[in-house]
Amino acid sequence: MIEKIANNYVQFDKPILSQSLKLTGYYDNSLALGEHGDYYFLGFSIDNALQNIRLKLDFLLWTEVKKESMYAYNMKIYFSDDSIETWHNNLNTMISVKAIPA
């Protein structure tokens, strides 16, 4: 059973355990930015210490977004002139409600 908290967030009735990480919900969203393209993001809510999460998921390319409290990983960008399979690392993306991806 899941509980829909908002249009883009679902709280799991019971946490899902994966590699001793406690996944408590799922989040996804998208923004249509007109001439700047479309912005898609998704992730899980994890009820573990950040250090433990990063240790267990050390294969991901982590980027600190907010000092010691918010991290993003594997940020990619797609250019319309490329093939649909070609995505590039996008480590310079600024994440916030008012920010346009770099």
Protein backbone atom coordinates (compact mmCIF):
# COMPACT_ATOMS: atom_id res chain seq x y z
CA MET A 1 0.00 0.00 0.00
CA ILE A 2 1.25 3.49 -0.80
CA GLU A 3 -0.03 6.90 0.18
CA LYS A 4 0.03 9.70 -2.38
CA ILE A 5 1.16 12.80 -0.46
CA ALA A 6 1.32 15.15 -3.45
CA ASN A 7 1.00 14.80 -7.22
CA ASN A 8 4.68 13.97 -7.44
CA TYR A 9 5.44 12.21 -4.12
CA VAL A 10 4.34 8.83 -2.82
CA GLN A 11 4.96 7.70 0.76
CA PHE A 12 5.38 3.90 1.05
CA ASP A 13 3.12 2.21 3.60
CA LYS A 14 6.08 0.08 4.68
CA PRO A 15 9.68 1.08 3.94
CA ILE A 16 11.57 -0.92 1.34
CA LEU A 17 14.97 -2.16 2.54
CA SER A 18 17.78 -2.26 -0.02
CA GLN A 19 21.43 -2.72 1.00
CA SER A 20 20.38 -1.73 4.54
CA LEU A 21 18.96 1.55 3.17
CA LYS A 22 15.40 2.34 4.24
CA LEU A 23 13.47 3.74 1.25
CA THR A 24 10.36 5.51 2.54
CA GLY A 25 8.96 7.16 -0.60
CA TYR A 26 9.41 8.11 -4.24
CA TYR A 27 9.51 11.57 -5.84
CA ASP A 28 9.47 12.67 -9.45
CA ASN A 29 8.87 15.94 -11.23
CA SER A 30 9.39 17.73 -14.50
CA LEU A 31 9.50 21.32 -15.61
CA ALA A 32 8.86 22.62 -19.12
CA LEU A 33 11.31 25.51 -19.46
CA GLY A 34 10.36 26.71 -22.94
CA GLU A 35 13.45 27.63 -24.93
CA HIS A 36 15.62 26.07 -22.21
CA GLY A 37 14.08 22.63 -22.75
CA ASP A 38 12.49 20.21 -20.32
CA TYR A 39 13.90 19.33 -16.90
CA TYR A 40 13.20 15.89 -15.36
CA PHE A 41 14.20 14.69 -11.92
CA LEU A 42 13.34 11.76 -9.66
CA GLY A 43 14.52 10.07 -6.53
CA PHE A 44 13.73 8.22 -3.34
CA SER A 45 13.32 9.42 0.22
CA ILE A 46 15.81 7.44 2.28
CA ASP A 47 15.70 7.32 6.07
CA ASN A 48 19.42 6.76 6.74
CA ALA A 49 22.33 9.01 7.58
CA LEU A 50 23.67 10.79 4.49
CA GLN A 51 27.14 9.32 5.03
CA ASN A 52 25.64 5.80 5.05
CA ILE A 53 23.65 6.48 1.87
CA ARG A 54 26.70 7.77 0.00
CA LEU A 55 28.79 4.81 1.21
CA LYS A 56 26.23 2.26 0.03
CA LEU A 57 25.73 4.06 -3.31
CA ASP A 58 29.36 4.91 -3.97
CA PHE A 59 29.05 3.96 -7.65
CA LEU A 60 26.98 7.11 -8.27
CA LEU A 61 28.54 10.40 -9.33
CA TRP A 62 27.59 12.65 -6.36
CA THR A 63 27.32 16.45 -6.49
CA GLU A 64 26.86 18.52 -3.34
CA VAL A 65 23.96 20.91 -3.91
CA LYS A 66 23.59 22.36 -0.41
CA LYS A 67 26.45 22.12 2.10
CA GLU A 68 26.18 18.83 4.00
CA SER A 69 22.42 18.47 3.52
CA MET A 70 21.48 17.96 -0.13
CA TYR A 71 23.19 15.93 -2.81
CA ALA A 72 22.26 15.01 -6.35
CA TYR A 73 23.74 12.24 -8.41
CA ASN A 74 24.27 11.29 -12.04
CA MET A 75 22.99 14.59 -13.40
CA LYS A 76 22.77 14.37 -17.17
CA ILE A 77 21.88 16.69 -20.04
CA TYR A 78 20.63 15.86 -23.51
CA PHE A 79 21.14 18.15 -26.50
CA SER A 80 18.54 18.01 -29.25
CA ASP A 81 21.23 17.72 -31.94
CA ASP A 82 22.50 14.46 -30.39
CA SER A 83 21.01 11.00 -30.82
CA ILE A 84 18.40 10.08 -28.19
CA GLU A 85 20.91 7.66 -26.62
CA THR A 86 23.53 10.38 -26.02
CA TRP A 87 23.42 12.00 -22.60
CA HIS A 88 26.27 14.04 -21.12
CA ASN A 89 27.38 14.56 -17.51
CA ASN A 90 26.03 17.88 -16.26
CA LEU A 91 27.90 18.63 -13.04
CA ASN A 92 27.24 22.39 -13.19
CA THR A 93 23.48 22.20 -12.76
CA MET A 94 22.14 24.47 -10.03
CA ILE A 95 19.18 22.85 -8.31
CA SER A 96 16.44 24.97 -6.78
CA VAL A 97 12.90 25.97 -7.48
CA LYS A 98 13.93 29.13 -9.35
CA ALA A 99 17.09 27.85 -11.04
CA ILE A 100 17.32 26.89 -14.70
CA PRO A 101 19.58 23.87 -15.29
CA ALA A 102 23.01 24.81 -16.62
